């Protein structure tokens, strides 16, 4: 069996946790983030080609 002071500490902590969870909460309306700007790739944009030779013999 636990000593009485430890039982009392556990009871106090449970009451404090219950009290915190019972407090009313207010949710603030936050502004929507701006839409992301999509970069569209043009067909004329420069693209590179890489050829990797693994030394096949």
Protein backbone atom coordinates (compact mmCIF):
# COMPACT_ATOMS: atom_id res chain seq x y z
CA UNK A 1 0.00 0.00 0.00
CA UNK A 2 1.21 3.51 -0.76
CA UNK A 3 1.92 5.99 2.01
CA UNK A 4 -0.91 8.51 2.59
CA UNK A 5 1.11 11.53 1.41
CA UNK A 6 1.73 9.89 -1.98
CA UNK A 7 -1.98 9.09 -2.34
CA UNK A 8 -2.77 12.72 -1.50
CA UNK A 9 -0.29 13.98 -4.12
CA UNK A 10 -1.83 11.73 -6.79
CA UNK A 11 -5.32 12.97 -5.87
CA UNK A 12 -4.20 16.64 -6.08
CA UNK A 13 -2.59 16.09 -9.48
CA UNK A 14 -5.74 14.40 -10.80
CA UNK A 15 -7.89 17.28 -9.55
CA UNK A 16 -5.58 19.85 -11.17
CA UNK A 17 -5.66 17.94 -14.46
CA UNK A 18 -9.46 17.74 -14.30
CA UNK A 19 -9.69 21.46 -13.53
CA UNK A 20 -7.45 22.36 -16.51
CA UNK A 21 -9.50 20.23 -18.88
CA UNK A 22 -12.76 21.80 -17.68
CA UNK A 23 -11.67 25.36 -18.42
CA UNK A 24 -13.52 26.91 -21.37
CA UNK A 25 -11.58 27.38 -24.58
CA UNK A 26 -11.98 29.97 -27.26
CA UNK A 27 -10.94 29.14 -30.79
CA UNK A 28 -9.83 32.18 -32.74
CA UNK A 29 -10.63 32.41 -36.43
CA UNK A 30 -7.30 32.42 -38.20
CA UNK A 31 -6.89 33.88 -41.69
CA UNK A 32 -6.48 31.37 -44.46
CA UNK A 33 -2.91 31.11 -45.74
CA UNK A 34 -2.39 32.62 -49.20
CA UNK A 35 -2.58 30.12 -52.05
CA UNK A 36 0.73 28.77 -53.21
CA UNK A 37 1.95 30.03 -56.53
CA UNK A 38 2.56 27.14 -58.87
CA UNK A 39 5.40 27.50 -61.29
CA UNK A 40 4.40 26.06 -64.59
CA UNK A 41 7.17 24.68 -66.73
CA UNK A 42 7.18 25.98 -70.27
CA UNK A 43 7.88 23.58 -73.08
CA UNK A 44 10.58 26.00 -74.18
CA UNK A 45 12.36 25.94 -70.83
CA UNK A 46 15.85 24.56 -70.88
CA UNK A 47 16.06 20.99 -69.69
CA UNK A 48 19.17 18.92 -69.48
CA UNK A 49 19.87 15.29 -70.19
CA UNK A 50 22.39 13.35 -68.15
CA UNK A 51 23.93 10.17 -69.51
CA UNK A 52 25.64 7.98 -66.93
CA UNK A 53 27.99 5.32 -68.24
CA UNK A 54 28.43 2.62 -65.62
CA UNK A 55 31.35 1.14 -67.49
CA UNK A 56 29.52 -1.78 -69.03
CA UNK A 57 32.11 -3.96 -70.78
